[in-house]
Amino acid sequence: MKTSSKMTRYLPGLALLAVLMAGAASACSGGATPPGANKALGSVTQGGYLFLRWQEGLEVMIWHDLTGEGTADSSGFVAGKLYIERGSARSREGRSLAWEVQTRDGTLGEVQIGGGRYDLAAGTLFLVTTQGDTMAVRQLPRDLSDVPLDHDGILTFAGNDPDLAAFLNEIPPATPPSASPIPPTATPTATSTPTAMSTPTATPLPPAPTITLHPPTRTPLPGPAVERIRFAPGATHALIEGYLPVDGRALYVMGVAAGQFVEMNATVGTTGQGLRFSVTGADGVVIKSMGEAHMRTVVPSTQDYYVDLVSDVGATEYFLSVLIPVRIRFAPGTTSATVTGGLEEGQMRHYVLRALAGQRMIVAPHATTGEIGLVISSADGQVLLSGRVGQPGGVFDGILPATQDYLISVQAKGGIGADYTLEITIPAEAESGMTIVGTVLSARERTIADDPSRLA
């Protein structure tokens, strides 16, 4: 997928963010829409199959041992520069299997089955067994170019291929044989075109498996996001550049800890007109329904959150900006605390804390190297301070207008980087003892590190 995550400056408010997007627009490049696949999805008594074929030449066939009518589905979609086919199958006994096929150009690609990744250059036929406690995947090199994209043609290929025929014959049938069993399908005649790996005609083939035809199931999967949003070490902001084809969608996922503040904006050029997105937790809770391409919220639980981005203006390049600041909390006993950090020129770091209406908040910046500026805003979008450079004129001292989260952004200025300290004070009777959730250098990475599988 031709997207990238970049460090960038954060400016609160939609007007200031528009300036950021305008400066970045020239760096984003488009490209052709990745090609989709023709496919056949079906089942037999012993299991089921998926056969994908791209006009550009790529072909993939997956066979599995999960049986039962209506228990498998697979659907394809475009995500940025990638075409993805995702599906799953289930058995009556509760065994399950998930797969994903990815390609950029319809000639090369990758398959993911049950958490394993397979380069299609090593083989395009997959035989998946889920019996027992461990899933087993066999990847075999095959020439699938002569296999018809229909049920009968695929079964003929299965009967001709010794590995596939043996795989199906070894699988216990889904139901006991009836009193009048169906005779085996005849071995294909010599007029059938064998694949490059087929058994020579002089060698007898094993009988083809007994086949029970079920109508293909084509129910589309909702599918989670396919690109994980990752923050650079020490960063609290990420900017993703992407491309949406006509009627396309971009799907993302990110891990966020409970109580973290998230701001997200999607824009085309300097405006967000024509873009919409929704955000849904892995538990199914809708954080934001499909609508305007802007969100500020506090997430309720630690989990993955899925972002579904669509365009109403046809094919377009876009920017997706994600901000997750370091959360600062006060515990009883202390009314002030100091945080420190270092920034490169122009770089910003973001903090957030919750305070009550009528409280006095003092934010005093000190730069030991270079200069820094502050931007302080409320979660409802009101800017309390913008752009002042460190001591003596950069101190914010004000009465807070409402009970809500307040964002504090620190930016290096003056042509060089900056090392800084921020002293934050709220002289309120019941507010004291500051605790920083995570650390300045790894607050965002800590969330991912809690679950090493998210790094995959």
Protein backbone atom coordinates (compact mmCIF):
# COMPACT_ATOMS: atom_id res chain seq x y z
CA MET A 1 0.00 0.00 0.00
CA LYS A 2 1.38 3.39 -0.93
CA THR A 3 0.82 5.13 2.36
CA SER A 4 3.29 6.37 4.90
CA SER A 5 3.24 7.64 8.46
CA LYS A 6 5.12 10.89 9.01
CA MET A 7 5.93 13.16 11.93
CA THR A 8 4.38 16.57 11.41
CA ARG A 9 3.35 19.64 13.28
CA TYR A 10 0.04 19.72 15.08
CA LEU A 11 -2.01 22.89 15.05
CA PRO A 12 -5.31 22.81 16.97
CA GLY A 13 -8.50 23.79 15.20
CA LEU A 14 -9.64 22.98 11.70
CA ALA A 15 -8.40 26.27 10.24
CA LEU A 16 -4.83 25.72 11.42
CA LEU A 17 -4.92 22.07 10.39
CA ALA A 18 -5.93 23.17 6.88
CA VAL A 19 -2.68 25.12 6.61
CA LEU A 20 -0.76 21.97 7.54
CA MET A 21 -2.56 19.90 4.91
CA ALA A 22 -1.96 22.48 2.19
CA GLY A 23 1.78 22.34 2.80
CA ALA A 24 1.83 18.55 2.67
CA ALA A 25 -0.40 18.08 -0.38
CA SER A 26 2.40 18.42 -2.89
CA ALA A 27 4.24 15.46 -1.32
CA CYS A 28 1.45 12.96 -1.92
CA SER A 29 1.47 11.00 -5.16
CA GLY A 30 -1.29 8.94 -6.66
CA GLY A 31 -1.31 5.77 -8.70
CA ALA A 32 -3.39 3.26 -10.52
CA THR A 33 -6.16 1.38 -8.76
CA PRO A 34 -4.99 -2.15 -7.88
CA PRO A 35 -6.78 -4.80 -9.99
CA GLY A 36 -9.51 -7.02 -8.57
CA ALA A 37 -9.84 -10.79 -8.96
CA ASN A 38 -12.40 -13.13 -10.45
CA LYS A 39 -13.21 -15.92 -8.03
CA ALA A 40 -15.03 -19.17 -7.34
CA LEU A 41 -16.03 -20.18 -3.82
CA GLY A 42 -17.61 -23.55 -3.13
CA SER A 43 -17.73 -26.66 -0.98
CA VAL A 44 -17.61 -30.43 -1.22
CA THR A 45 -18.37 -33.19 1.28
CA GLN A 46 -14.84 -33.08 2.65
CA GLY A 47 -14.33 -29.32 2.81
CA GLY A 48 -14.29 -26.24 0.62
CA TYR A 49 -12.22 -24.08 -1.69
CA LEU A 50 -11.51 -20.56 -2.90
CA PHE A 51 -10.02 -19.94 -6.34
CA LEU A 52 -8.87 -16.44 -7.30
CA ARG A 53 -7.69 -15.34 -10.75
CA TRP A 54 -6.38 -11.98 -11.87
CA GLN A 55 -6.28 -11.04 -15.54
CA GLU A 56 -2.71 -9.89 -14.94
CA GLY A 57 -1.67 -13.52 -14.28
CA LEU A 58 -1.79 -14.19 -10.53
CA GLU A 59 -3.80 -17.26 -9.44
CA VAL A 60 -4.40 -18.59 -5.92
CA MET A 61 -6.31 -21.67 -4.77
CA ILE A 62 -7.04 -22.53 -1.13
CA TRP A 63 -8.60 -25.86 -0.04
CA HIS A 64 -9.63 -26.53 3.57
CA ASP A 65 -11.31 -29.28 5.60
CA LEU A 66 -14.15 -27.21 7.11
CA THR A 67 -17.51 -28.47 5.97
CA GLY A 68 -21.11 -27.41 6.11
CA GLU A 69 -23.27 -25.47 3.68
CA GLY A 70 -23.17 -21.71 4.11
CA THR A 71 -20.18 -21.78 6.46
CA ALA A 72 -17.68 -19.92 4.27
CA ASP A 73 -17.50 -16.45 2.78
CA SER A 74 -14.93 -14.28 1.06
CA SER A 75 -14.98 -10.73 -0.26
CA GLY A 76 -12.52 -8.39 -1.93
CA PHE A 77 -11.95 -4.67 -1.59
CA VAL A 78 -9.41 -1.98 -2.38
CA ALA A 79 -7.45 -0.33 0.44
CA GLY A 80 -5.15 2.39 -0.86
CA LYS A 81 -2.74 0.77 -3.33
CA LEU A 82 -3.64 -2.77 -2.28
CA TYR A 83 -6.35 -5.19 -3.38
CA ILE A 84 -7.33 -7.52 -0.55
CA GLU A 85 -9.46 -10.65 -0.58
CA ARG A 86 -10.49 -11.66 2.93
CA GLY A 87 -12.62 -14.60 3.98
CA SER A 88 -13.27 -17.27 6.56
CA ALA A 89 -14.80 -20.71 7.00
CA ARG A 90 -16.37 -22.47 9.96
CA SER A 91 -17.30 -26.05 10.72
CA ARG A 92 -20.33 -27.38 12.55
CA GLU A 93 -17.99 -28.49 15.35
CA GLY A 94 -16.74 -24.94 15.91
CA ARG A 95 -13.38 -25.10 14.10
CA SER A 96 -12.61 -22.00 12.06
CA LEU A 97 -10.15 -20.61 9.55
CA ALA A 98 -9.43 -17.12 8.22
CA TRP A 99 -7.48 -16.12 5.13
CA GLU A 100 -6.33 -12.97 3.39
CA VAL A 101 -4.80 -12.55 -0.06
CA GLN A 102 -3.04 -9.27 -0.92
CA THR A 103 -1.67 -7.95 -4.20
CA ARG A 104 -0.68 -4.59 -5.61
CA ASP A 105 -0.59 -5.42 -9.30
CA GLY A 106 -2.28 -8.81 -9.87
CA THR A 107 1.05 -10.54 -10.60
CA LEU A 108 2.73 -10.91 -7.19
CA GLY A 109 1.24 -11.15 -3.74
CA GLU A 110 1.06 -12.65 -0.28
CA VAL A 111 -1.35 -15.01 1.51
CA GLN A 112 -2.09 -14.99 5.23
CA ILE A 113 -3.72 -18.12 6.66
CA GLY A 114 -4.36 -18.60 10.34
CA GLY A 115 -1.74 -16.01 11.29
CA GLY A 116 0.97 -17.38 8.98
CA ARG A 117 2.27 -15.45 5.96
CA TYR A 118 3.18 -17.08 2.66
CA ASP A 119 4.96 -15.57 -0.35
CA LEU A 120 3.08 -16.62 -3.48
CA ALA A 121 6.38 -16.96 -5.33
CA ALA A 122 6.82 -20.25 -3.42
CA GLY A 123 3.49 -21.75 -4.51
CA THR A 124 -0.12 -20.86 -5.23
CA LEU A 125 -1.99 -23.98 -4.02
CA PHE A 126 -2.71 -24.22 -0.28
CA LEU A 127 -4.06 -27.30 1.54
CA VAL A 128 -5.22 -26.41 5.06
CA THR A 129 -6.04 -28.99 7.74
CA THR A 130 -7.69 -27.92 10.99
CA GLN A 131 -8.24 -31.38 12.50
CA GLY A 132 -6.65 -31.86 15.92
CA ASP A 133 -5.07 -29.13 18.01
CA THR A 134 -2.81 -27.57 15.37
CA MET A 135 -3.58 -26.02 12.01
CA ALA A 136 -1.40 -27.40 9.21
CA VAL A 137 -0.82 -25.54 5.93
CA ARG A 138 0.85 -27.08 2.85
CA GLN A 139 1.97 -24.66 0.15
CA LEU A 140 2.49 -26.31 -3.24
CA PRO A 141 3.78 -24.92 -6.55
CA ARG A 142 1.14 -25.37 -9.25
CA ASP A 143 0.31 -23.97 -12.67
CA LEU A 144 -3.37 -23.03 -12.35
CA SER A 145 -3.69 -21.25 -15.68
CA ASP A 146 -5.64 -24.09 -17.34
CA VAL A 147 -8.07 -24.63 -14.46
CA PRO A 148 -11.56 -23.34 -15.41
CA LEU A 149 -13.02 -20.84 -12.98
CA ASP A 150 -16.09 -22.96 -12.22
CA HIS A 151 -17.06 -25.73 -9.83
CA ASP A 152 -16.79 -28.63 -12.28
CA GLY A 153 -13.44 -27.45 -13.62
CA ILE A 154 -12.02 -27.06 -10.13
CA LEU A 155 -13.17 -30.55 -9.15
CA THR A 156 -11.58 -31.97 -12.30
CA PHE A 157 -8.32 -30.34 -11.29
CA ALA A 158 -8.72 -31.80 -7.76
CA GLY A 159 -9.13 -35.29 -9.20
CA ASN A 160 -6.08 -34.90 -11.44
CA ASP A 161 -3.73 -33.56 -8.77
CA PRO A 162 -2.38 -36.40 -6.60
CA ASP A 163 -1.64 -34.23 -3.56
CA LEU A 164 -5.02 -32.54 -3.60
CA ALA A 165 -6.90 -35.79 -4.24
CA ALA A 166 -5.07 -37.48 -1.37
CA PHE A 167 -5.78 -34.47 0.87
CA LEU A 168 -9.52 -34.74 0.22
CA ASN A 169 -9.62 -38.53 0.53
CA GLU A 170 -7.92 -38.36 3.94
CA ILE A 171 -10.51 -35.96 5.40
CA PRO A 172 -13.36 -37.63 7.32
CA PRO A 173 -16.69 -36.91 5.61
CA ALA A 174 -18.93 -34.31 7.20
CA THR A 175 -21.87 -36.77 7.48
CA PRO A 176 -22.03 -40.59 7.59
CA PRO A 177 -22.54 -42.23 4.18
CA SER A 178 -26.14 -42.92 3.25
CA ALA A 179 -27.59 -46.37 2.54
CA SER A 180 -27.19 -45.74 -1.17
CA PRO A 181 -23.84 -44.03 -1.50
CA ILE A 182 -23.12 -41.91 -4.52
CA PRO A 183 -20.54 -43.67 -6.72
CA PRO A 184 -17.18 -41.94 -7.16
CA THR A 185 -16.93 -39.42 -9.94
CA ALA A 186 -15.18 -40.90 -12.96
CA THR A 187 -11.52 -40.17 -13.46
CA PRO A 188 -11.17 -37.27 -15.93
CA THR A 189 -10.56 -38.38 -19.51
CA ALA A 190 -7.45 -37.71 -21.51
CA THR A 191 -9.12 -34.73 -23.17
CA SER A 192 -8.81 -32.76 -19.88
CA THR A 193 -5.74 -30.52 -19.84
CA PRO A 194 -3.49 -31.51 -16.91
CA THR A 195 -1.49 -28.97 -14.95
CA ALA A 196 2.29 -28.88 -15.02
CA MET A 197 2.36 -30.88 -11.76
CA SER A 198 -0.27 -33.49 -12.76
CA THR A 199 0.48 -37.22 -12.64
CA PRO A 200 1.58 -38.63 -16.05
CA THR A 201 -1.25 -40.34 -17.91
CA ALA A 202 0.50 -43.70 -17.70
CA THR A 203 0.11 -43.74 -13.90
CA PRO A 204 -3.38 -44.61 -12.57
CA LEU A 205 -4.93 -41.75 -10.61
CA PRO A 206 -6.70 -42.29 -7.31
CA PRO A 207 -10.48 -42.05 -7.53
CA ALA A 208 -11.74 -38.50 -7.23
CA PRO A 209 -13.51 -37.73 -3.97
CA THR A 210 -17.24 -38.11 -3.60
CA ILE A 211 -18.64 -34.64 -4.23
CA THR A 212 -21.66 -32.90 -2.78
CA LEU A 213 -22.24 -29.54 -4.46
CA HIS A 214 -23.42 -26.58 -2.42
CA PRO A 215 -24.19 -23.14 -3.83
CA PRO A 216 -21.28 -20.72 -3.37
CA THR A 217 -21.61 -18.32 -0.48
CA ARG A 218 -20.77 -14.73 -1.34
CA THR A 219 -21.79 -12.83 1.77
CA PRO A 220 -19.31 -9.94 2.10
CA LEU A 221 -17.31 -9.63 5.29
CA PRO A 222 -17.32 -6.34 7.17
CA GLY A 223 -13.60 -6.89 7.67
CA PRO A 224 -11.34 -5.05 10.10
CA ALA A 225 -8.88 -2.46 8.98
CA VAL A 226 -5.89 -3.70 7.03
CA GLU A 227 -3.19 -1.13 7.74
CA ARG A 228 -2.04 -0.62 11.31
CA ILE A 229 -1.34 2.97 12.31
CA ARG A 230 1.99 3.17 14.11
CA PHE A 231 3.59 6.17 15.80
CA ALA A 232 7.32 6.85 15.57
CA PRO A 233 9.15 6.43 18.92
CA GLY A 234 8.45 9.47 21.09
CA ALA A 235 5.80 10.82 18.73
CA THR A 236 2.26 11.76 19.71
CA HIS A 237 1.08 12.50 16.17
CA ALA A 238 1.03 10.60 12.86
CA LEU A 239 0.14 11.77 9.37
CA ILE A 240 -0.87 9.14 6.80
CA GLU A 241 -0.94 9.96 3.09
CA GLY A 242 -3.13 7.78 0.88
CA TYR A 243 -5.20 7.42 -2.25
CA LEU A 244 -8.87 6.48 -2.61
CA PRO A 245 -10.05 5.10 -5.98
CA VAL A 246 -13.58 5.59 -7.27
CA ASP A 247 -15.97 3.81 -4.88
CA GLY A 248 -12.95 2.74 -2.82
CA ARG A 249 -12.34 2.82 0.91
CA ALA A 250 -9.33 2.94 3.20
CA LEU A 251 -9.31 0.74 6.29
CA TYR A 252 -7.02 1.28 9.28
CA VAL A 253 -6.59 -0.14 12.79
CA MET A 254 -4.81 1.27 15.83
CA GLY A 255 -4.38 0.10 19.42
CA VAL A 256 -5.39 2.67 22.04
CA ALA A 257 -5.47 2.44 25.84
CA ALA A 258 -8.56 3.21 27.90
CA GLY A 259 -8.88 6.89 28.77
CA GLN A 260 -6.58 8.15 26.04
CA PHE A 261 -7.64 11.24 24.11
CA VAL A 262 -7.78 10.81 20.32
CA GLU A 263 -8.13 13.50 17.70
CA MET A 264 -8.50 12.46 14.07
CA ASN A 265 -8.95 14.49 10.87
CA ALA A 266 -9.12 13.41 7.23
CA THR A 267 -8.64 15.97 4.48
CA VAL A 268 -8.43 16.33 0.71
CA GLY A 269 -5.84 19.00 -0.02
CA THR A 270 -6.62 21.87 2.34
CA THR A 271 -10.20 20.86 3.21
CA GLY A 272 -12.04 17.83 4.49
CA GLN A 273 -14.97 18.18 2.13
CA GLY A 274 -16.01 14.95 0.48
CA LEU A 275 -14.42 12.59 3.02
CA ARG A 276 -16.20 10.64 5.73
CA PHE A 277 -15.06 8.07 8.27
CA SER A 278 -16.36 5.91 11.10
CA VAL A 279 -14.53 4.50 14.13
CA THR A 280 -15.56 1.21 15.75
CA GLY A 281 -13.98 -0.73 18.61
CA ALA A 282 -12.99 -4.37 18.26
CA ASP A 283 -15.81 -5.13 20.71
CA GLY A 284 -18.33 -3.68 18.24
CA VAL A 285 -18.94 -0.40 20.10
CA VAL A 286 -19.34 2.49 17.65
CA ILE A 287 -17.13 5.37 18.76
CA LYS A 288 -18.05 7.52 15.76
CA SER A 289 -20.68 6.69 13.16
CA MET A 290 -19.98 7.33 9.47
CA GLY A 291 -19.99 11.09 9.00
CA GLU A 292 -17.79 14.20 8.94
CA ALA A 293 -14.06 13.59 8.74
CA HIS A 294 -13.23 14.97 12.20
CA MET A 295 -13.29 13.45 15.69
CA ARG A 296 -12.19 14.35 19.20
CA THR A 297 -12.98 11.77 21.85
CA VAL A 298 -11.74 9.76 24.83
CA VAL A 299 -11.82 6.02 24.18
CA PRO A 300 -13.62 3.87 26.75
CA SER A 301 -11.46 0.72 26.79
CA THR A 302 -8.07 -0.70 25.82
CA GLN A 303 -8.42 -2.45 22.47
CA ASP A 304 -8.03 -2.06 18.72
CA TYR A 305 -10.13 0.60 17.01
CA TYR A 306 -11.02 0.36 13.31
CA VAL A 307 -11.22 3.41 11.02
CA ASP A 308 -13.26 3.15 7.79
CA LEU A 309 -12.55 6.07 5.43
CA VAL A 310 -14.58 6.73 2.24
CA SER A 311 -14.77 9.47 -0.39
CA ASP A 312 -17.85 11.19 -1.83
CA VAL A 313 -15.82 13.04 -4.47
CA GLY A 314 -14.51 10.11 -6.53
CA ALA A 315 -10.86 9.15 -6.77
CA THR A 316 -8.71 11.39 -4.60
CA GLU A 317 -5.53 11.65 -2.59
CA TYR A 318 -6.04 12.26 1.12
CA PHE A 319 -4.34 12.88 4.45
CA LEU A 320 -5.36 11.20 7.70
CA SER A 321 -4.06 12.96 10.81
CA VAL A 322 -4.11 11.09 14.15
CA LEU A 323 -3.20 12.72 17.47
CA ILE A 324 -2.88 10.75 20.75
CA PRO A 325 -1.29 13.02 23.40
CA VAL A 326 0.40 11.92 26.62
CA ARG A 327 -2.24 11.83 29.36
CA ILE A 328 -1.33 13.71 32.58
CA ARG A 329 -3.33 13.11 35.76
CA PHE A 330 -3.18 14.65 39.23
CA ALA A 331 -3.40 12.57 42.40
CA PRO A 332 -4.12 13.93 45.89
CA GLY A 333 -1.17 15.63 47.58
CA THR A 334 0.57 17.70 44.90
CA THR A 335 -0.50 20.75 42.91
CA SER A 336 2.29 20.90 40.32
CA ALA A 337 4.72 18.73 38.41
CA THR A 338 7.32 19.07 35.68
CA VAL A 339 7.69 17.15 32.42
CA THR A 340 10.77 17.25 30.21
CA GLY A 341 11.55 16.43 26.61
CA GLY A 342 13.61 17.13 23.53
CA LEU A 343 12.43 18.14 20.06
CA GLU A 344 13.93 18.60 16.62
CA GLU A 345 13.31 21.89 14.78
CA GLY A 346 9.60 22.29 14.01
CA GLN A 347 8.66 19.08 15.80
CA MET A 348 5.78 19.09 18.29
CA ARG A 349 4.80 16.97 21.28
CA HIS A 350 1.35 16.92 22.80
CA TYR A 351 -0.02 16.49 26.32
CA VAL A 352 -3.55 16.40 27.67
CA LEU A 353 -5.01 16.77 31.14
CA ARG A 354 -8.51 17.06 32.53
CA ALA A 355 -9.44 20.03 34.69
CA LEU A 356 -12.57 21.58 36.17
CA ALA A 357 -14.40 24.74 35.24
CA GLY A 358 -13.16 27.73 37.25
CA GLN A 359 -9.81 26.17 38.15
CA ARG A 360 -6.66 28.18 37.61
CA MET A 361 -4.02 26.50 35.42
CA ILE A 362 -0.44 27.73 35.06
CA VAL A 363 1.81 26.31 32.35
CA ALA A 364 5.38 27.62 32.51
CA PRO A 365 7.75 26.59 29.69
CA HIS A 366 11.54 26.63 30.07
CA ALA A 367 13.92 25.92 27.17
CA THR A 368 17.44 24.84 28.11
CA THR A 369 18.37 24.60 24.41
CA GLY A 370 16.72 26.56 21.60
CA GLU A 371 13.26 28.06 21.94
CA ILE A 372 9.79 26.57 22.34
CA GLY A 373 6.27 27.77 21.74
CA LEU A 374 3.02 26.64 23.35
CA VAL A 375 -0.42 25.99 21.96
CA ILE A 376 -3.13 25.37 24.56
CA SER A 377 -6.69 24.53 23.57
CA SER A 378 -9.76 22.89 25.03
CA ALA A 379 -11.39 19.71 23.79
CA ASP A 380 -14.31 21.76 22.47
CA GLY A 381 -11.93 23.65 20.14
CA GLN A 382 -11.37 26.92 22.03
CA VAL A 383 -7.78 28.18 21.71
CA LEU A 384 -6.49 29.57 25.02
CA LEU A 385 -2.92 30.33 23.95
CA SER A 386 -1.12 30.06 20.62
CA GLY A 387 2.49 30.38 19.56
CA ARG A 388 4.15 32.36 22.33
CA VAL A 389 7.85 31.65 22.70
CA GLY A 390 9.26 30.60 26.13
CA GLN A 391 10.17 32.83 29.08
CA PRO A 392 9.42 35.49 29.97
CA GLY A 393 6.31 35.92 27.81
CA GLY A 394 5.33 32.32 27.21
CA VAL A 395 3.69 31.49 30.54
CA PHE A 396 -0.01 30.68 30.45
CA ASP A 397 -1.93 31.65 33.58
CA GLY A 398 -5.68 31.52 33.25
CA ILE A 399 -9.02 30.40 34.61
CA LEU A 400 -10.41 27.40 32.75
CA PRO A 401 -13.82 27.93 31.13
CA ALA A 402 -15.29 24.43 31.39
CA THR A 403 -14.80 20.95 32.84
CA GLN A 404 -13.10 19.04 30.04
CA ASP A 405 -9.77 17.93 28.60
CA TYR A 406 -7.16 20.56 27.76
CA LEU A 407 -4.45 20.03 25.13
CA ILE A 408 -0.94 21.42 25.62
CA SER A 409 1.33 21.29 22.55
CA VAL A 410 5.05 22.14 22.68
CA GLN A 411 6.92 23.11 19.49
CA ALA A 412 10.64 23.71 18.87
CA LYS A 413 11.30 27.14 17.33
CA GLY A 414 14.23 29.35 16.44
CA GLY A 415 15.83 27.29 13.66
CA ILE A 416 17.25 24.56 15.90
CA GLY A 417 15.88 21.85 18.13
CA ALA A 418 14.96 22.41 21.74
CA ASP A 419 15.29 20.73 25.13
CA TYR A 420 12.56 21.85 27.46
CA THR A 421 10.74 21.49 30.74
CA LEU A 422 7.09 22.28 31.36
CA GLU A 423 5.91 23.12 34.85
CA ILE A 424 2.15 22.62 35.14
CA THR A 425 0.34 23.85 38.22
CA ILE A 426 -3.32 23.72 39.24
CA PRO A 427 -3.57 25.29 42.70
CA ALA A 428 -6.86 23.68 43.70
CA GLU A 429 -7.68 22.32 47.13
CA ALA A 430 -8.40 18.75 46.08
CA GLU A 431 -5.97 18.51 43.18
CA SER A 432 -2.43 17.31 43.81
CA GLY A 433 0.06 14.54 43.12
CA MET A 434 0.67 14.24 39.37
CA THR A 435 0.96 10.90 37.62
CA ILE A 436 1.95 10.69 33.95
CA VAL A 437 0.40 7.74 32.14
CA GLY A 438 3.28 6.21 30.14
CA THR A 439 6.36 8.34 29.57
CA VAL A 440 7.14 11.27 27.35
CA LEU A 441 9.30 9.12 25.09
CA SER A 442 7.05 6.08 24.84
CA ALA A 443 3.49 6.92 25.85
CA ARG A 444 2.05 5.78 22.51
CA GLU A 445 4.38 2.81 22.08
CA ARG A 446 3.44 1.56 25.55
CA THR A 447 -0.07 0.87 24.33
CA ILE A 448 1.20 -1.35 21.52
CA ALA A 449 3.80 -3.04 23.72
CA ASP A 450 1.08 -4.23 26.07
CA ASP A 451 0.10 -6.67 23.30
CA PRO A 452 3.15 -7.84 21.29
CA SER A 453 0.86 -9.35 18.61
CA ARG A 454 -0.07 -5.82 17.53
CA LEU A 455 3.43 -5.40 16.19
CA ALA A 456 2.80 -8.10 13.55
